[in-house]
Amino acid sequence: MEDHGVRAVVLESGCPSYAPGDVIRFHGAFVDKEHSGALCMVALNAIYPFVYAARRGGSVKDGPVQCPDCSECVRFRIERLD
């Protein structure tokens, strides 16, 4: 089965831990800590299904994926690195 690199890019943020343009990179099942910013567990829960699909070669949602923390909304774009 294919295993692509994936990145999540912050588009908008009301969270003090993220700023627009921040990136989280994934290689296989792991976070690339050397090339990633902070990773909140709530945000990871929101983006995980899309990261997994992209990693396995599936289609990636065009629109943003939103973290469900209502008071500190963060919107991500998920990109497969081919």
PDB file of N, CA and C in Angstrom:
ATOM      1  N   MET A   1       0.843  -1.181   0.000  1.00  0.00           N
ATOM      2  CA  MET A   1       0.000   0.000   0.000  1.00  0.00           C
ATOM      3  C   MET A   1       0.890   1.246   0.000  1.00  0.00           C
ATOM      4  N   GLU A   2       0.435   2.261  -0.699  1.00  0.00           N
ATOM      5  CA  GLU A   2       1.188   3.514  -0.785  1.00  0.00           C
ATOM      6  C   GLU A   2       1.326   4.166   0.589  1.00  0.00           C
ATOM      7  N   ASP A   3       2.370   4.940   0.750  1.00  0.00           N
ATOM      8  CA  ASP A   3       2.575   5.685   1.988  1.00  0.00           C
ATOM      9  C   ASP A   3       3.190   7.034   1.633  1.00  0.00           C
ATOM     10  N   HIS A   4       2.354   8.051   1.506  1.00  0.00           N
ATOM     11  CA  HIS A   4       2.777   9.390   1.115  1.00  0.00           C
ATOM     12  C   HIS A   4       3.081  10.253   2.336  1.00  0.00           C
ATOM     13  N   GLY A   5       3.957  11.220   2.140  1.00  0.00           N
ATOM     14  CA  GLY A   5       4.135  12.253   3.148  1.00  0.00           C
ATOM     15  C   GLY A   5       2.937  13.183   3.100  1.00  0.00           C
ATOM     16  N   VAL A   6       2.607  13.777   4.216  1.00  0.00           N
ATOM     17  CA  VAL A   6       1.445  14.665   4.304  1.00  0.00           C
ATOM     18  C   VAL A   6       1.829  15.860   5.163  1.00  0.00           C
ATOM     19  N   ARG A   7       1.241  17.006   4.853  1.00  0.00           N
ATOM     20  CA  ARG A   7       1.407  18.153   5.745  1.00  0.00           C
ATOM     21  C   ARG A   7       0.056  18.811   5.974  1.00  0.00           C
ATOM     22  N   ALA A   8      -0.075  19.381   7.149  1.00  0.00           N
ATOM     23  CA  ALA A   8      -1.241  20.164   7.522  1.00  0.00           C
ATOM     24  C   ALA A   8      -0.752  21.595   7.703  1.00  0.00           C
ATOM     25  N   VAL A   9      -1.367  22.510   6.974  1.00  0.00           N
ATOM     26  CA  VAL A   9      -0.975  23.916   7.016  1.00  0.00           C
ATOM     27  C   VAL A   9      -2.091  24.710   7.691  1.00  0.00           C
ATOM     28  N   VAL A  10      -1.737  25.537   8.665  1.00  0.00           N
ATOM     29  CA  VAL A  10      -2.723  26.368   9.357  1.00  0.00           C
ATOM     30  C   VAL A  10      -3.137  27.505   8.433  1.00  0.00           C
ATOM     31  N   LEU A  11      -4.453  27.602   8.183  1.00  0.00           N
ATOM     32  CA  LEU A  11      -4.993  28.684   7.350  1.00  0.00           C
ATOM     33  C   LEU A  11      -5.436  29.872   8.200  1.00  0.00           C
ATOM     34  N   GLU A  12      -6.121  29.573   9.294  1.00  0.00           N
ATOM     35  CA  GLU A  12      -6.613  30.605  10.212  1.00  0.00           C
ATOM     36  C   GLU A  12      -6.490  30.068  11.623  1.00  0.00           C
ATOM     37  N   SER A  13      -6.300  30.956  12.587  1.00  0.00           N
ATOM     38  CA  SER A  13      -6.179  30.475  13.960  1.00  0.00           C
ATOM     39  C   SER A  13      -6.622  31.518  14.976  1.00  0.00           C
ATOM     40  N   GLY A  14      -7.420  31.056  15.933  1.00  0.00           N
ATOM     41  CA  GLY A  14      -7.758  31.853  17.103  1.00  0.00           C
ATOM     42  C   GLY A  14      -7.062  31.280  18.327  1.00  0.00           C
ATOM     43  N   CYS A  15      -6.162  30.340  18.094  1.00  0.00           N
ATOM     44  CA  CYS A  15      -5.452  29.640  19.168  1.00  0.00           C
ATOM     45  C   CYS A  15      -4.059  30.245  19.346  1.00  0.00           C
ATOM     46  N   PRO A  16      -3.639  30.481  20.578  1.00  0.00           N
ATOM     47  CA  PRO A  16      -2.311  31.056  20.777  1.00  0.00           C
ATOM     48  C   PRO A  16      -1.162  30.109  20.412  1.00  0.00           C
ATOM     49  N   SER A  17      -1.467  28.831  20.207  1.00  0.00           N
ATOM     50  CA  SER A  17      -0.420  27.861  19.856  1.00  0.00           C
ATOM     51  C   SER A  17      -0.171  27.756  18.356  1.00  0.00           C
ATOM     52  N   TYR A  18      -1.056  28.315  17.545  1.00  0.00           N
ATOM     53  CA  TYR A  18      -0.921  28.224  16.089  1.00  0.00           C
ATOM     54  C   TYR A  18      -1.048  29.595  15.446  1.00  0.00           C
ATOM     55  N   ALA A  19      -0.302  29.788  14.367  1.00  0.00           N
ATOM     56  CA  ALA A  19      -0.408  31.011  13.555  1.00  0.00           C
ATOM     57  C   ALA A  19      -0.597  30.582  12.100  1.00  0.00           C
ATOM     58  N   PRO A  20      -1.276  31.389  11.296  1.00  0.00           N
ATOM     59  CA  PRO A  20      -1.399  31.045   9.883  1.00  0.00           C
ATOM     60  C   PRO A  20      -0.024  30.789   9.272  1.00  0.00           C
ATOM     61  N   GLY A  21       0.059  29.724   8.493  1.00  0.00           N
ATOM     62  CA  GLY A  21       1.320  29.343   7.872  1.00  0.00           C
ATOM     63  C   GLY A  21       2.084  28.275   8.630  1.00  0.00           C
ATOM     64  N   ASP A  22       1.726  28.033   9.904  1.00  0.00           N
ATOM     65  CA  ASP A  22       2.378  26.949  10.652  1.00  0.00           C
ATOM     66  C   ASP A  22       2.110  25.623   9.952  1.00  0.00           C
ATOM     67  N   VAL A  23       3.066  24.699  10.069  1.00  0.00           N
ATOM     68  CA  VAL A  23       2.980  23.418   9.363  1.00  0.00           C
ATOM     69  C   VAL A  23       3.239  22.272  10.330  1.00  0.00           C
ATOM     70  N   ILE A  24       2.481  21.193  10.132  1.00  0.00           N
ATOM     71  CA  ILE A  24       2.738  19.921  10.804  1.00  0.00           C
ATOM     72  C   ILE A  24       2.952  18.902   9.694  1.00  0.00           C
ATOM     73  N   ARG A  25       4.098  18.229   9.696  1.00  0.00           N
ATOM     74  CA  ARG A  25       4.422  17.239   8.661  1.00  0.00           C
ATOM     75  C   ARG A  25       4.350  15.832   9.237  1.00  0.00           C
ATOM     76  N   PHE A  26       3.863  14.932   8.400  1.00  0.00           N
ATOM     77  CA  PHE A  26       3.744  13.529   8.760  1.00  0.00           C
ATOM     78  C   PHE A  26       4.506  12.695   7.742  1.00  0.00           C
ATOM     79  N   HIS A  27       5.249  11.713   8.231  1.00  0.00           N
ATOM     80  CA  HIS A  27       5.922  10.729   7.382  1.00  0.00           C
ATOM     81  C   HIS A  27       5.465   9.366   7.861  1.00  0.00           C
ATOM     82  N   GLY A  28       4.686   8.696   7.027  1.00  0.00           N
ATOM     83  CA  GLY A  28       4.091   7.447   7.466  1.00  0.00           C
ATOM     84  C   GLY A  28       3.177   7.724   8.640  1.00  0.00           C
ATOM     85  N   ALA A  29       3.259   6.896   9.652  1.00  0.00           N
ATOM     86  CA  ALA A  29       2.394   7.034  10.819  1.00  0.00           C
ATOM     87  C   ALA A  29       2.956   8.001  11.866  1.00  0.00           C
ATOM     88  N   PHE A  30       4.039   8.691  11.537  1.00  0.00           N
ATOM     89  CA  PHE A  30       4.720   9.513  12.536  1.00  0.00           C
ATOM     90  C   PHE A  30       4.717  10.992  12.177  1.00  0.00           C
ATOM     91  N   VAL A  31       4.741  11.828  13.220  1.00  0.00           N
ATOM     92  CA  VAL A  31       4.912  13.267  13.050  1.00  0.00           C
ATOM     93  C   VAL A  31       6.395  13.526  12.839  1.00  0.00           C
ATOM     94  N   ASP A  32       6.718  14.304  11.813  1.00  0.00           N
ATOM     95  CA  ASP A  32       8.099  14.704  11.559  1.00  0.00           C
ATOM     96  C   ASP A  32       8.407  15.871  12.489  1.00  0.00           C
ATOM     97  N   LYS A  33       8.914  15.568  13.669  1.00  0.00           N
ATOM     98  CA  LYS A  33       9.114  16.582  14.706  1.00  0.00           C
ATOM     99  C   LYS A  33      10.121  17.656  14.308  1.00  0.00           C
ATOM    100  N   GLU A  34      11.089  17.304  13.475  1.00  0.00           N
ATOM    101  CA  GLU A  34      12.097  18.283  13.058  1.00  0.00           C
ATOM    102  C   GLU A  34      11.531  19.352  12.139  1.00  0.00           C
ATOM    103  N   HIS A  35      10.454  19.039  11.426  1.00  0.00           N
ATOM    104  CA  HIS A  35       9.890  19.966  10.445  1.00  0.00           C
ATOM    105  C   HIS A  35       8.457  20.358  10.778  1.00  0.00           C
ATOM    106  N   SER A  36       8.083  20.259  12.041  1.00  0.00           N
ATOM    107  CA  SER A  36       6.718  20.564  12.458  1.00  0.00           C
ATOM    108  C   SER A  36       6.709  21.515  13.637  1.00  0.00           C
ATOM    109  N   GLY A  37       5.608  22.236  13.730  1.00  0.00           N
ATOM    110  CA  GLY A  37       5.384  23.076  14.892  1.00  0.00           C
ATOM    111  C   GLY A  37       4.641  22.278  15.954  1.00  0.00           C
ATOM    112  N   ALA A  38       3.970  22.992  16.836  1.00  0.00           N
ATOM    113  CA  ALA A  38       3.219  22.372  17.930  1.00  0.00           C
ATOM    114  C   ALA A  38       2.120  21.467  17.379  1.00  0.00           C
ATOM    115  N   LEU A  39       1.783  20.446  18.149  1.00  0.00           N
ATOM    116  CA  LEU A  39       0.706  19.541  17.754  1.00  0.00           C
ATOM    117  C   LEU A  39      -0.217  19.329  18.943  1.00  0.00           C
ATOM    118  N   CYS A  40      -1.388  19.914  18.873  1.00  0.00           N
ATOM    119  CA  CYS A  40      -2.402  19.798  19.910  1.00  0.00           C
ATOM    120  C   CYS A  40      -3.192  18.507  19.680  1.00  0.00           C
ATOM    121  N   MET A  41      -3.494  17.786  20.731  1.00  0.00           N
ATOM    122  CA  MET A  41      -4.219  16.525  20.609  1.00  0.00           C
ATOM    123  C   MET A  41      -5.641  16.732  20.082  1.00  0.00           C
ATOM    124  N   VAL A  42      -6.280  17.845  20.407  1.00  0.00           N
ATOM    125  CA  VAL A  42      -7.624  18.109  19.900  1.00  0.00           C
ATOM    126  C   VAL A  42      -7.564  18.349  18.389  1.00  0.00           C
ATOM    127  N   ALA A  43      -6.584  19.131  17.950  1.00  0.00           N
ATOM    128  CA  ALA A  43      -6.412  19.374  16.516  1.00  0.00           C
ATOM    129  C   ALA A  43      -6.057  18.083  15.792  1.00  0.00           C
ATOM    130  N   LEU A  44      -5.174  17.271  16.373  1.00  0.00           N
ATOM    131  CA  LEU A  44      -4.812  16.001  15.744  1.00  0.00           C
ATOM    132  C   LEU A  44      -6.036  15.116  15.566  1.00  0.00           C
ATOM    133  N   ASN A  45      -6.902  15.087  16.552  1.00  0.00           N
ATOM    134  CA  ASN A  45      -8.124  14.295  16.448  1.00  0.00           C
ATOM    135  C   ASN A  45      -8.985  14.750  15.268  1.00  0.00           C
ATOM    136  N   ALA A  46      -9.035  16.058  15.022  1.00  0.00           N
ATOM    137  CA  ALA A  46      -9.847  16.598  13.931  1.00  0.00           C
ATOM    138  C   ALA A  46      -9.257  16.297  12.560  1.00  0.00           C
ATOM    139  N   ILE A  47      -7.931  16.387  12.427  1.00  0.00           N
ATOM    140  CA  ILE A  47      -7.319  16.245  11.101  1.00  0.00           C
ATOM    141  C   ILE A  47      -6.912  14.808  10.770  1.00  0.00           C
ATOM    142  N   TYR A  48      -6.854  13.932  11.789  1.00  0.00           N
ATOM    143  CA  TYR A  48      -6.337  12.573  11.591  1.00  0.00           C
ATOM    144  C   TYR A  48      -7.007  11.813  10.441  1.00  0.00           C
ATOM    145  N   PRO A  49      -8.329  11.774  10.323  1.00  0.00           N
ATOM    146  CA  PRO A  49      -8.921  10.997   9.223  1.00  0.00           C
ATOM    147  C   PRO A  49      -8.459  11.477   7.843  1.00  0.00           C
ATOM    148  N   PHE A  50      -8.264  12.773   7.692  1.00  0.00           N
ATOM    149  CA  PHE A  50      -7.844  13.332   6.408  1.00  0.00           C
ATOM    150  C   PHE A  50      -6.358  13.094   6.159  1.00  0.00           C
ATOM    151  N   VAL A  51      -5.558  13.194   7.209  1.00  0.00           N
ATOM    152  CA  VAL A  51      -4.134  12.889   7.102  1.00  0.00           C
ATOM    153  C   VAL A  51      -3.948  11.420   6.720  1.00  0.00           C
ATOM    154  N   TYR A  52      -4.699  10.532   7.349  1.00  0.00           N
ATOM    155  CA  TYR A  52      -4.583   9.102   7.063  1.00  0.00           C
ATOM    156  C   TYR A  52      -4.977   8.803   5.619  1.00  0.00           C
ATOM    157  N   ALA A  53      -6.075   9.374   5.165  1.00  0.00           N
ATOM    158  CA  ALA A  53      -6.521   9.149   3.787  1.00  0.00           C
ATOM    159  C   ALA A  53      -5.472   9.634   2.794  1.00  0.00           C
ATOM    160  N   ALA A  54      -4.916  10.815   3.035  1.00  0.00           N
ATOM    161  CA  ALA A  54      -3.884  11.359   2.139  1.00  0.00           C
ATOM    162  C   ALA A  54      -2.641  10.485   2.167  1.00  0.00           C
ATOM    163  N   ARG A  55      -2.268  10.034   3.337  1.00  0.00           N
ATOM    164  CA  ARG A  55      -1.086   9.183   3.493  1.00  0.00           C
ATOM    165  C   ARG A  55      -1.214   7.900   2.679  1.00  0.00           C
ATOM    166  N   ARG A  56      -2.403   7.352   2.618  1.00  0.00           N
ATOM    167  CA  ARG A  56      -2.638   6.095   1.909  1.00  0.00           C
ATOM    168  C   ARG A  56      -3.018   6.287   0.449  1.00  0.00           C
ATOM    169  N   GLY A  57      -2.909   7.517  -0.054  1.00  0.00           N
ATOM    170  CA  GLY A  57      -3.143   7.777  -1.465  1.00  0.00           C
ATOM    171  C   GLY A  57      -4.567   8.129  -1.819  1.00  0.00           C
ATOM    172  N   GLY A  58      -5.421   8.281  -0.819  1.00  0.00           N
ATOM    173  CA  GLY A  58      -6.818   8.643  -1.069  1.00  0.00           C
ATOM    174  C   GLY A  58      -6.962  10.105  -1.423  1.00  0.00           C
ATOM    175  N   SER A  59      -8.192  10.470  -1.787  1.00  0.00           N
ATOM    176  CA  SER A  59      -8.416  11.871  -2.103  1.00  0.00           C
ATOM    177  C   SER A  59      -8.367  12.712  -0.841  1.00  0.00           C
ATOM    178  N   VAL A  60      -7.930  13.933  -1.040  1.00  0.00           N
ATOM    179  CA  VAL A  60      -7.790  14.874   0.064  1.00  0.00           C
ATOM    180  C   VAL A  60      -8.883  15.912  -0.085  1.00  0.00           C
ATOM    181  N   LYS A  61      -9.572  16.195   1.011  1.00  0.00           N
ATOM    182  CA  LYS A  61     -10.639  17.185   1.009  1.00  0.00           C
ATOM    183  C   LYS A  61     -10.088  18.534   0.567  1.00  0.00           C
ATOM    184  N   ASP A  62     -10.769  19.182  -0.389  1.00  0.00           N
ATOM    185  CA  ASP A  62     -10.312  20.488  -0.880  1.00  0.00           C
ATOM    186  C   ASP A  62     -10.439  21.584   0.160  1.00  0.00           C
ATOM    187  N   GLY A  63     -11.530  21.569   0.875  1.00  0.00           N
ATOM    188  CA  GLY A  63     -11.790  22.637   1.833  1.00  0.00           C
ATOM    189  C   GLY A  63     -11.003  22.459   3.114  1.00  0.00           C
ATOM    190  N   PRO A  64     -11.050  23.457   3.967  1.00  0.00           N
ATOM    191  CA  PRO A  64     -10.301  23.380   5.226  1.00  0.00           C
ATOM    192  C   PRO A  64     -10.931  22.397   6.209  1.00  0.00           C
ATOM    193  N   VAL A  65     -10.104  21.876   7.098  1.00  0.00           N
ATOM    194  CA  VAL A  65     -10.540  21.013   8.187  1.00  0.00           C
ATOM    195  C   VAL A  65     -10.417  21.836   9.453  1.00  0.00           C
ATOM    196  N   GLN A  66     -11.475  21.873  10.247  1.00  0.00           N
ATOM    197  CA  GLN A  66     -11.501  22.744  11.415  1.00  0.00           C
ATOM    198  C   GLN A  66     -11.339  21.955  12.704  1.00  0.00           C
ATOM    199  N   CYS A  67     -10.482  22.429  13.581  1.00  0.00           N
ATOM    200  CA  CYS A  67     -10.357  21.886  14.925  1.00  0.00           C
ATOM    201  C   CYS A  67     -11.645  22.209  15.679  1.00  0.00           C
ATOM    202  N   PRO A  68     -12.193  21.268  16.455  1.00  0.00           N
ATOM    203  CA  PRO A  68     -13.487  21.493  17.103  1.00  0.00           C
ATOM    204  C   PRO A  68     -13.457  22.321  18.379  1.00  0.00           C
ATOM    205  N   ASP A  69     -12.306  22.794  18.791  1.00  0.00           N
ATOM    206  CA  ASP A  69     -12.251  23.612  20.002  1.00  0.00           C
ATOM    207  C   ASP A  69     -12.873  24.964  19.692  1.00  0.00           C
ATOM    208  N   CYS A  70     -14.110  25.138  20.083  1.00  0.00           N
ATOM    209  CA  CYS A  70     -14.905  26.301  19.664  1.00  0.00           C
ATOM    210  C   CYS A  70     -14.300  27.641  20.054  1.00  0.00           C
ATOM    211  N   SER A  71     -13.695  27.724  21.205  1.00  0.00           N
ATOM    212  CA  SER A  71     -13.184  29.022  21.649  1.00  0.00           C
ATOM    213  C   SER A  71     -11.863  29.391  20.988  1.00  0.00           C
ATOM    214  N   GLU A  72     -11.177  28.419  20.397  1.00  0.00           N
ATOM    215  CA  GLU A  72      -9.870  28.688  19.789  1.00  0.00           C
ATOM    216  C   GLU A  72      -9.775  27.987  18.438  1.00  0.00           C
ATOM    217  N   CYS A  73     -10.684  28.278  17.564  1.00  0.00           N
ATOM    218  CA  CYS A  73     -10.802  27.604  16.279  1.00  0.00           C
ATOM    219  C   CYS A  73      -9.512  27.696  15.453  1.00  0.00           C
ATOM    220  N   VAL A  74      -9.103  26.569  14.905  1.00  0.00           N
ATOM    221  CA  VAL A  74      -7.972  26.512  13.986  1.00  0.00           C
ATOM    222  C   VAL A  74      -8.440  25.786  12.739  1.00  0.00           C
ATOM    223  N   ARG A  75      -8.139  26.354  11.565  1.00  0.00           N
ATOM    224  CA  ARG A  75      -8.494  25.723  10.292  1.00  0.00           C
ATOM    225  C   ARG A  75      -7.218  25.306   9.576  1.00  0.00           C
ATOM    226  N   PHE A  76      -7.203  24.053   9.095  1.00  0.00           N
ATOM    227  CA  PHE A  76      -6.044  23.463   8.428  1.00  0.00           C
ATOM    228  C   PHE A  76      -6.374  23.109   6.988  1.00  0.00           C
ATOM    229  N   ARG A  77      -5.373  23.142   6.132  1.00  0.00           N
ATOM    230  CA  ARG A  77      -5.447  22.557   4.786  1.00  0.00           C
ATOM    231  C   ARG A  77      -4.543  21.326   4.820  1.00  0.00           C
ATOM    232  N   ILE A  78      -5.042  20.186   4.373  1.00  0.00           N
ATOM    233  CA  ILE A  78      -4.294  18.947   4.363  1.00  0.00           C
ATOM    234  C   ILE A  78      -3.752  18.737   2.950  1.00  0.00           C
ATOM    235  N   GLU A  79      -2.452  18.488   2.830  1.00  0.00           N
ATOM    236  CA  GLU A  79      -1.805  18.325   1.520  1.00  0.00           C
ATOM    237  C   GLU A  79      -1.000  17.041   1.481  1.00  0.00           C
ATOM    238  N   ARG A  80      -1.192  16.254   0.436  1.00  0.00           N
ATOM    239  CA  ARG A  80      -0.352  15.073   0.222  1.00  0.00           C
ATOM    240  C   ARG A  80       0.912  15.526  -0.484  1.00  0.00           C
ATOM    241  N   LEU A  81       2.051  15.032  -0.039  1.00  0.00           N
ATOM    242  CA  LEU A  81       3.333  15.384  -0.623  1.00  0.00           C
ATOM    243  C   LEU A  81       3.738  14.258  -1.560  1.00  0.00           C
ATOM    244  N   ASP A  82       3.512  14.441  -2.843  1.00  0.00           N
ATOM    245  CA  ASP A  82       3.827  13.396  -3.833  1.00  0.00           C
ATOM    246  C   ASP A  82       5.231  13.534  -4.345  1.00  0.00           C
TER     247      ASP A  82
END
